[in-house]
PDB file of all heavy atoms in Angstrom:
ATOM      1  N   LYS A   1     110.790  99.611  88.860  1.00  0.00           N
ATOM      2  CA  LYS A   1     109.497  98.926  88.856  1.00  0.00           C
ATOM      3  C   LYS A   1     109.656  97.695  87.971  1.00  0.00           C
ATOM      4  O   LYS A   1     110.407  97.704  86.999  1.00  0.00           O
ATOM      5  CB  LYS A   1     108.387  99.847  88.372  1.00  0.00           C
ATOM      6  CG  LYS A   1     108.480 100.261  86.915  1.00  0.00           C
ATOM      7  CD  LYS A   1     107.340 101.199  86.568  1.00  0.00           C
ATOM      8  CE  LYS A   1     107.390 101.646  85.140  1.00  0.00           C
ATOM      9  NZ  LYS A   1     108.396 102.656  84.851  1.00  0.00           N
ATOM     10  N   ASN A   2     108.980  96.623  88.332  1.00  0.00           N
ATOM     11  CA  ASN A   2     109.156  95.383  87.599  1.00  0.00           C
ATOM     12  C   ASN A   2     107.887  94.551  87.696  1.00  0.00           C
ATOM     13  O   ASN A   2     107.304  94.438  88.781  1.00  0.00           O
ATOM     14  CB  ASN A   2     110.319  94.580  88.204  1.00  0.00           C
ATOM     15  CG  ASN A   2     110.956  93.651  87.213  1.00  0.00           C
ATOM     16  OD1 ASN A   2     111.914  94.024  86.553  1.00  0.00           O
ATOM     17  ND2 ASN A   2     110.432  92.444  87.111  1.00  0.00           N
ATOM     18  N   SER A   3     107.475  93.994  86.598  1.00  0.00           N
ATOM     19  CA  SER A   3     106.340  93.074  86.629  1.00  0.00           C
ATOM     20  C   SER A   3     106.721  91.833  87.412  1.00  0.00           C
ATOM     21  O   SER A   3     107.883  91.439  87.460  1.00  0.00           O
ATOM     22  CB  SER A   3     105.936  92.676  85.206  1.00  0.00           C
ATOM     23  OG  SER A   3     105.426  93.787  84.519  1.00  0.00           O
ATOM     24  N   ILE A   4     105.725  91.245  88.029  1.00  0.00           N
ATOM     25  CA  ILE A   4     105.928  90.016  88.782  1.00  0.00           C
ATOM     26  C   ILE A   4     105.062  88.928  88.145  1.00  0.00           C
ATOM     27  O   ILE A   4     104.157  89.237  87.360  1.00  0.00           O
ATOM     28  CB  ILE A   4     105.571  90.219  90.268  1.00  0.00           C
ATOM     29  CG1 ILE A   4     104.121  90.676  90.422  1.00  0.00           C
ATOM     30  CG2 ILE A   4     106.516  91.210  90.923  1.00  0.00           C
ATOM     31  CD1 ILE A   4     103.639  90.736  91.843  1.00  0.00           C
ATOM     32  N   PRO A   5     105.294  87.670  88.443  1.00  0.00           N
ATOM     33  CA  PRO A   5     104.459  86.617  87.861  1.00  0.00           C
ATOM     34  C   PRO A   5     102.972  86.850  88.150  1.00  0.00           C
ATOM     35  O   PRO A   5     102.598  87.192  89.270  1.00  0.00           O
ATOM     36  CB  PRO A   5     104.966  85.350  88.560  1.00  0.00           C
ATOM     37  CG  PRO A   5     106.384  85.663  88.901  1.00  0.00           C
ATOM     38  CD  PRO A   5     106.378  87.129  89.259  1.00  0.00           C
ATOM     39  N   PHE A   6     102.173  86.702  87.102  1.00  0.00           N
ATOM     40  CA  PHE A   6     100.717  86.883  87.178  1.00  0.00           C
ATOM     41  C   PHE A   6     100.320  88.292  87.601  1.00  0.00           C
ATOM     42  O   PHE A   6      99.295  88.498  88.245  1.00  0.00           O
ATOM     43  CB  PHE A   6     100.081  85.829  88.096  1.00  0.00           C
ATOM     44  CG  PHE A   6     100.521  84.431  87.775  1.00  0.00           C
ATOM     45  CD1 PHE A   6     101.414  83.772  88.603  1.00  0.00           C
ATOM     46  CD2 PHE A   6     100.067  83.800  86.630  1.00  0.00           C
ATOM     47  CE1 PHE A   6     101.847  82.493  88.311  1.00  0.00           C
ATOM     48  CE2 PHE A   6     100.501  82.516  86.318  1.00  0.00           C
ATOM     49  CZ  PHE A   6     101.388  81.860  87.155  1.00  0.00           C
ATOM     50  N   ASP A   7     101.123  89.264  87.233  1.00  0.00           N
ATOM     51  CA  ASP A   7     100.876  90.666  87.580  1.00  0.00           C
ATOM     52  C   ASP A   7      99.581  91.143  86.945  1.00  0.00           C
ATOM     53  O   ASP A   7      99.340  90.921  85.756  1.00  0.00           O
ATOM     54  CB  ASP A   7     102.049  91.527  87.088  1.00  0.00           C
ATOM     55  CG  ASP A   7     102.204  92.821  87.862  1.00  0.00           C
ATOM     56  OD1 ASP A   7     101.205  93.312  88.420  1.00  0.00           O
ATOM     57  OD2 ASP A   7     103.333  93.333  87.910  1.00  0.00           O
ATOM     58  N   THR A   8      98.756  91.792  87.727  1.00  0.00           N
ATOM     59  CA  THR A   8      97.501  92.350  87.214  1.00  0.00           C
ATOM     60  C   THR A   8      97.653  93.808  86.806  1.00  0.00           C
ATOM     61  O   THR A   8      96.755  94.367  86.173  1.00  0.00           O
ATOM     62  CB  THR A   8      96.378  92.232  88.270  1.00  0.00           C
ATOM     63  OG1 THR A   8      96.794  92.877  89.468  1.00  0.00           O
ATOM     64  CG2 THR A   8      96.059  90.767  88.558  1.00  0.00           C
ATOM     65  N   GLU A   9      98.760  94.424  87.169  1.00  0.00           N
ATOM     66  CA  GLU A   9      99.040  95.804  86.769  1.00  0.00           C
ATOM     67  C   GLU A   9      99.664  95.815  85.375  1.00  0.00           C
ATOM     68  O   GLU A   9     100.266  94.835  84.948  1.00  0.00           O
ATOM     69  CB  GLU A   9      99.990  96.484  87.754  1.00  0.00           C
ATOM     70  CG  GLU A   9      99.430  96.680  89.142  1.00  0.00           C
ATOM     71  CD  GLU A   9      98.346  97.741  89.229  1.00  0.00           C
ATOM     72  OE1 GLU A   9      98.153  98.502  88.262  1.00  0.00           O
ATOM     73  OE2 GLU A   9      97.700  97.819  90.282  1.00  0.00           O
ATOM     74  N   SER A  10      99.559  96.948  84.709  1.00  0.00           N
ATOM     75  CA  SER A  10     100.164  97.084  83.390  1.00  0.00           C
ATOM     76  C   SER A  10     101.689  97.135  83.522  1.00  0.00           C
ATOM     77  O   SER A  10     102.211  97.442  84.598  1.00  0.00           O
ATOM     78  CB  SER A  10      99.666  98.357  82.701  1.00  0.00           C
ATOM     79  OG  SER A  10     100.270  99.493  83.300  1.00  0.00           O
ATOM     80  N   PRO A  11     102.409  96.874  82.438  1.00  0.00           N
ATOM     81  CA  PRO A  11     103.871  96.945  82.486  1.00  0.00           C
ATOM     82  C   PRO A  11     104.410  98.334  82.827  1.00  0.00           C
ATOM     83  O   PRO A  11     105.551  98.459  83.259  1.00  0.00           O
ATOM     84  CB  PRO A  11     104.295  96.530  81.078  1.00  0.00           C
ATOM     85  CG  PRO A  11     103.159  95.699  80.574  1.00  0.00           C
ATOM     86  CD  PRO A  11     101.926  96.314  81.176  1.00  0.00           C
ATOM     87  N   THR A  12     103.611  99.359  82.659  1.00  0.00           N
ATOM     88  CA  THR A  12     104.067 100.709  83.002  1.00  0.00           C
ATOM     89  C   THR A  12     103.802 101.057  84.470  1.00  0.00           C
ATOM     90  O   THR A  12     104.291 102.072  84.960  1.00  0.00           O
ATOM     91  CB  THR A  12     103.401 101.777  82.107  1.00  0.00           C
ATOM     92  OG1 THR A  12     101.982 101.692  82.268  1.00  0.00           O
ATOM     93  CG2 THR A  12     103.781 101.581  80.651  1.00  0.00           C
ATOM     94  N   ILE A  13     103.037 100.225  85.149  1.00  0.00           N
ATOM     95  CA  ILE A  13     102.715 100.445  86.565  1.00  0.00           C
ATOM     96  C   ILE A  13     103.401  99.373  87.424  1.00  0.00           C
ATOM     97  O   ILE A  13     104.144  99.695  88.333  1.00  0.00           O
ATOM     98  CB  ILE A  13     101.187 100.436  86.811  1.00  0.00           C
ATOM     99  CG1 ILE A  13     100.484 101.492  85.956  1.00  0.00           C
ATOM    100  CG2 ILE A  13     100.878 100.618  88.288  1.00  0.00           C
ATOM    101  CD1 ILE A  13     100.855 102.928  86.272  1.00  0.00           C
ATOM    102  N   THR A  14     103.149  98.140  87.205  1.00  0.00           N
ATOM    103  CA  THR A  14     103.686  96.937  87.857  1.00  0.00           C
ATOM    104  C   THR A  14     103.288  96.779  89.319  1.00  0.00           C
ATOM    105  O   THR A  14     102.846  97.720  89.968  1.00  0.00           O
ATOM    106  CB  THR A  14     105.230  96.821  87.749  1.00  0.00           C
ATOM    107  OG1 THR A  14     105.862  97.663  88.694  1.00  0.00           O
ATOM    108  CG2 THR A  14     105.722  97.068  86.353  1.00  0.00           C
ATOM    109  N   SER A  15     103.462  95.564  89.803  1.00  0.00           N
ATOM    110  CA  SER A  15     103.174  95.238  91.202  1.00  0.00           C
ATOM    111  C   SER A  15     104.442  94.885  91.967  1.00  0.00           C
ATOM    112  O   SER A  15     104.373  94.361  93.072  1.00  0.00           O
ATOM    113  CB  SER A  15     102.207  94.051  91.276  1.00  0.00           C
ATOM    114  OG  SER A  15     100.953  94.391  90.755  1.00  0.00           O
ATOM    115  N   GLY A  16     105.584  95.163  91.387  1.00  0.00           N
ATOM    116  CA  GLY A  16     106.818  94.817  92.066  1.00  0.00           C
ATOM    117  C   GLY A  16     107.939  95.779  91.753  1.00  0.00           C
ATOM    118  O   GLY A  16     107.812  96.651  90.883  1.00  0.00           O
ATOM    119  N   VAL A  17     109.033  95.613  92.479  1.00  0.00           N
ATOM    120  CA  VAL A  17     110.261  96.350  92.196  1.00  0.00           C
ATOM    121  C   VAL A  17     111.426  95.376  92.209  1.00  0.00           C
ATOM    122  O   VAL A  17     111.424  94.382  92.929  1.00  0.00           O
ATOM    123  CB  VAL A  17     110.540  97.507  93.189  1.00  0.00           C
ATOM    124  CG1 VAL A  17     109.531  98.617  93.037  1.00  0.00           C
ATOM    125  CG2 VAL A  17     110.605  97.039  94.619  1.00  0.00           C
ATOM    126  N   ARG A  18     112.390  95.692  91.373  1.00  0.00           N
ATOM    127  CA  ARG A  18     113.628  94.915  91.305  1.00  0.00           C
ATOM    128  C   ARG A  18     114.703  95.696  92.034  1.00  0.00           C
ATOM    129  O   ARG A  18     114.909  96.878  91.793  1.00  0.00           O
ATOM    130  CB  ARG A  18     114.017  94.691  89.842  1.00  0.00           C
ATOM    131  CG  ARG A  18     115.218  93.806  89.665  1.00  0.00           C
ATOM    132  CD  ARG A  18     115.534  93.582  88.189  1.00  0.00           C
ATOM    133  NE  ARG A  18     116.015  94.811  87.573  1.00  0.00           N
ATOM    134  CZ  ARG A  18     115.438  95.421  86.542  1.00  0.00           C
ATOM    135  NH1 ARG A  18     114.343  94.946  86.003  1.00  0.00           N
ATOM    136  NH2 ARG A  18     115.957  96.519  86.042  1.00  0.00           N
ATOM    137  N   ILE A  19     115.371  95.011  92.951  1.00  0.00           N
ATOM    138  CA  ILE A  19     116.436  95.625  93.729  1.00  0.00           C
ATOM    139  C   ILE A  19     117.722  94.868  93.420  1.00  0.00           C
ATOM    140  O   ILE A  19     117.771  93.651  93.528  1.00  0.00           O
ATOM    141  CB  ILE A  19     116.138  95.539  95.244  1.00  0.00           C
ATOM    142  CG1 ILE A  19     114.792  96.199  95.567  1.00  0.00           C
ATOM    143  CG2 ILE A  19     117.263  96.168  96.048  1.00  0.00           C
ATOM    144  CD1 ILE A  19     114.306  95.971  96.980  1.00  0.00           C
ATOM    145  N   GLY A  20     118.745  95.602  93.029  1.00  0.00           N
ATOM    146  CA  GLY A  20     120.037  94.992  92.746  1.00  0.00           C
ATOM    147  C   GLY A  20     121.074  95.438  93.759  1.00  0.00           C
ATOM    148  O   GLY A  20     121.023  96.546  94.272  1.00  0.00           O
ATOM    149  N   THR A  21     122.013  94.552  94.028  1.00  0.00           N
ATOM    150  CA  THR A  21     123.029  94.866  95.031  1.00  0.00           C
ATOM    151  C   THR A  21     124.380  95.307  94.478  1.00  0.00           C
ATOM    152  O   THR A  21     125.193  95.812  95.252  1.00  0.00           O
ATOM    153  CB  THR A  21     123.261  93.661  95.961  1.00  0.00           C
ATOM    154  OG1 THR A  21     123.709  92.547  95.174  1.00  0.00           O
ATOM    155  CG2 THR A  21     121.988  93.309  96.710  1.00  0.00           C
ATOM    156  N   PRO A  22     124.692  95.165  93.188  1.00  0.00           N
ATOM    157  CA  PRO A  22     126.035  95.526  92.721  1.00  0.00           C
ATOM    158  C   PRO A  22     126.456  96.960  93.033  1.00  0.00           C
ATOM    159  O   PRO A  22     127.619  97.198  93.382  1.00  0.00           O
ATOM    160  CB  PRO A  22     125.980  95.282  91.222  1.00  0.00           C
ATOM    161  CG  PRO A  22     124.974  94.200  91.057  1.00  0.00           C
ATOM    162  CD  PRO A  22     123.936  94.509  92.100  1.00  0.00           C
ATOM    163  N   ALA A  23     125.544  97.906  92.947  1.00  0.00           N
ATOM    164  CA  ALA A  23     125.918  99.304  93.197  1.00  0.00           C
ATOM    165  C   ALA A  23     126.368  99.516  94.637  1.00  0.00           C
ATOM    166  O   ALA A  23     127.295 100.285  94.895  1.00  0.00           O
ATOM    167  CB  ALA A  23     124.752 100.235  92.876  1.00  0.00           C
ATOM    168  N   VAL A  24     125.752  98.834  95.572  1.00  0.00           N
ATOM    169  CA  VAL A  24     126.141  99.027  96.966  1.00  0.00           C
ATOM    170  C   VAL A  24     127.330  98.161  97.373  1.00  0.00           C
ATOM    171  O   VAL A  24     128.129  98.573  98.213  1.00  0.00           O
ATOM    172  CB  VAL A  24     124.950  98.851  97.939  1.00  0.00           C
ATOM    173  CG1 VAL A  24     123.993 100.012  97.848  1.00  0.00           C
ATOM    174  CG2 VAL A  24     124.227  97.557  97.700  1.00  0.00           C
ATOM    175  N   THR A  25     127.470  96.994  96.772  1.00  0.00           N
ATOM    176  CA  THR A  25     128.665  96.200  97.080  1.00  0.00           C
ATOM    177  C   THR A  25     129.902  96.882  96.510  1.00  0.00           C
ATOM    178  O   THR A  25     130.968  96.862  97.129  1.00  0.00           O
ATOM    179  CB  THR A  25     128.565  94.757  96.554  1.00  0.00           C
ATOM    180  OG1 THR A  25     128.298  94.772  95.150  1.00  0.00           O
ATOM    181  CG2 THR A  25     127.488  93.983  97.283  1.00  0.00           C
ATOM    182  N   THR A  26     129.752  97.529  95.358  1.00  0.00           N
ATOM    183  CA  THR A  26     130.861  98.285  94.773  1.00  0.00           C
ATOM    184  C   THR A  26     131.286  99.420  95.696  1.00  0.00           C
ATOM    185  O   THR A  26     132.460  99.774  95.769  1.00  0.00           O
ATOM    186  CB  THR A  26     130.456  98.836  93.389  1.00  0.00           C
ATOM    187  OG1 THR A  26     130.117  97.734  92.545  1.00  0.00           O
ATOM    188  CG2 THR A  26     131.568  99.645  92.759  1.00  0.00           C
ATOM    189  N   ARG A  27     130.331  99.976  96.422  1.00  0.00           N
ATOM    190  CA  ARG A  27     130.623 101.056  97.380  1.00  0.00           C
ATOM    191  C   ARG A  27     131.231 100.527  98.673  1.00  0.00           C
ATOM    192  O   ARG A  27     131.584 101.290  99.554  1.00  0.00           O
ATOM    193  CB  ARG A  27     129.342 101.821  97.717  1.00  0.00           C
ATOM    194  CG  ARG A  27     128.824 102.673  96.601  1.00  0.00           C
ATOM    195  CD  ARG A  27     127.487 103.308  97.022  1.00  0.00           C
ATOM    196  NE  ARG A  27     127.048 104.256  96.038  1.00  0.00           N
ATOM    197  CZ  ARG A  27     126.967 105.572  96.258  1.00  0.00           C
ATOM    198  NH1 ARG A  27     127.284 106.074  97.429  1.00  0.00           N
ATOM    199  NH2 ARG A  27     126.549 106.373  95.315  1.00  0.00           N
ATOM    200  N   GLY A  28     131.298  99.208  98.815  1.00  0.00           N
ATOM    201  CA  GLY A  28     131.898  98.628 100.005  1.00  0.00           C
ATOM    202  C   GLY A  28     130.925  98.323 101.127  1.00  0.00           C
ATOM    203  O   GLY A  28     131.339  98.065 102.256  1.00  0.00           O
ATOM    204  N   PHE A  29     129.632  98.331 100.836  1.00  0.00           N
ATOM    205  CA  PHE A  29     128.657  98.023 101.872  1.00  0.00           C
ATOM    206  C   PHE A  29     128.841  96.587 102.357  1.00  0.00           C
ATOM    207  O   PHE A  29     129.135  95.691 101.585  1.00  0.00           O
ATOM    208  CB  PHE A  29     127.232  98.186 101.343  1.00  0.00           C
ATOM    209  CG  PHE A  29     126.726  99.599 101.338  1.00  0.00           C
ATOM    210  CD1 PHE A  29     127.544 100.664 101.039  1.00  0.00           C
ATOM    211  CD2 PHE A  29     125.405  99.864 101.623  1.00  0.00           C
ATOM    212  CE1 PHE A  29     127.070 101.959 101.026  1.00  0.00           C
ATOM    213  CE2 PHE A  29     124.909 101.157 101.608  1.00  0.00           C
ATOM    214  CZ  PHE A  29     125.746 102.200 101.318  1.00  0.00           C
ATOM    215  N   LYS A  30     128.622  96.384 103.643  1.00  0.00           N
ATOM    216  CA  LYS A  30     128.674  95.071 104.275  1.00  0.00           C
ATOM    217  C   LYS A  30     127.273  94.684 104.739  1.00  0.00           C
ATOM    218  O   LYS A  30     126.316  95.427 104.547  1.00  0.00           O
ATOM    219  CB  LYS A  30     129.648  95.086 105.459  1.00  0.00           C
ATOM    220  CG  LYS A  30     131.058  95.501 105.086  1.00  0.00           C
ATOM    221  CD  LYS A  30     131.701  94.483 104.180  1.00  0.00           C
ATOM    222  CE  LYS A  30     133.137  94.893 103.858  1.00  0.00           C
ATOM    223  NZ  LYS A  30     133.613  94.349 102.630  1.00  0.00           N
ATOM    224  N   GLU A  31     127.162  93.535 105.371  1.00  0.00           N
ATOM    225  CA  GLU A  31     125.859  93.013 105.769  1.00  0.00           C
ATOM    226  C   GLU A  31     125.070  94.005 106.630  1.00  0.00           C
ATOM    227  O   GLU A  31     123.876  94.197 106.412  1.00  0.00           O
ATOM    228  CB  GLU A  31     126.016  91.684 106.519  1.00  0.00           C
ATOM    229  CG  GLU A  31     126.444  90.535 105.640  1.00  0.00           C
ATOM    230  CD  GLU A  31     127.967  90.459 105.419  1.00  0.00           C
ATOM    231  OE1 GLU A  31     128.709  91.331 105.934  1.00  0.00           O
ATOM    232  OE2 GLU A  31     128.410  89.541 104.724  1.00  0.00           O
ATOM    233  N   ASP A  32     125.720  94.624 107.600  1.00  0.00           N
ATOM    234  CA  ASP A  32     125.019  95.587 108.463  1.00  0.00           C
ATOM    235  C   ASP A  32     124.475  96.772 107.672  1.00  0.00           C
ATOM    236  O   ASP A  32     123.401  97.303 107.983  1.00  0.00           O
ATOM    237  CB  ASP A  32     125.941  96.103 109.571  1.00  0.00           C
ATOM    238  CG  ASP A  32     126.253  95.044 110.626  1.00  0.00           C
ATOM    239  OD1 ASP A  32     125.521  94.034 110.691  1.00  0.00           O
ATOM    240  OD2 ASP A  32     127.214  95.244 111.377  1.00  0.00           O
ATOM    241  N   ASP A  33     125.204  97.172 106.631  1.00  0.00           N
ATOM    242  CA  ASP A  33     124.743  98.278 105.795  1.00  0.00           C
ATOM    243  C   ASP A  33     123.486  97.880 105.020  1.00  0.00           C
ATOM    244  O   ASP A  33     122.570  98.685 104.848  1.00  0.00           O
ATOM    245  CB  ASP A  33     125.838  98.705 104.815  1.00  0.00           C
ATOM    246  CG  ASP A  33     127.077  99.200 105.533  1.00  0.00           C
ATOM    247  OD1 ASP A  33     126.943  99.988 106.492  1.00  0.00           O
ATOM    248  OD2 ASP A  33     128.192  98.799 105.133  1.00  0.00           O
ATOM    249  N   PHE A  34     123.438  96.621 104.558  1.00  0.00           N
ATOM    250  CA  PHE A  34     122.259  96.152 103.832  1.00  0.00           C
ATOM    251  C   PHE A  34     121.039  96.110 104.743  1.00  0.00           C
ATOM    252  O   PHE A  34     119.924  96.390 104.304  1.00  0.00           O
ATOM    253  CB  PHE A  34     122.514  94.776 103.210  1.00  0.00           C
ATOM    254  CG  PHE A  34     123.294  94.844 101.939  1.00  0.00           C
ATOM    255  CD1 PHE A  34     124.669  94.690 101.948  1.00  0.00           C
ATOM    256  CD2 PHE A  34     122.669  95.062 100.733  1.00  0.00           C
ATOM    257  CE1 PHE A  34     125.405  94.754 100.773  1.00  0.00           C
ATOM    258  CE2 PHE A  34     123.384  95.127  99.552  1.00  0.00           C
ATOM    259  CZ  PHE A  34     124.754  94.972  99.572  1.00  0.00           C
ATOM    260  N   VAL A  35     121.242  95.785 106.004  1.00  0.00           N
ATOM    261  CA  VAL A  35     120.135  95.808 106.966  1.00  0.00           C
ATOM    262  C   VAL A  35     119.605  97.235 107.100  1.00  0.00           C
ATOM    263  O   VAL A  35     118.394  97.457 107.107  1.00  0.00           O
ATOM    264  CB  VAL A  35     120.577  95.245 108.334  1.00  0.00           C
ATOM    265  CG1 VAL A  35     119.506  95.463 109.388  1.00  0.00           C
ATOM    266  CG2 VAL A  35     120.916  93.765 108.220  1.00  0.00           C
TER     267      VAL A  35
END
């Protein structure tokens, strides 16, 4: 969970999520896998 600009939710709730790709690229995922 991650706050976004001008978020109206509290920092413990948030209105967004942060998605990172390093864990899946390390596993060898390719473009089709990300889809």
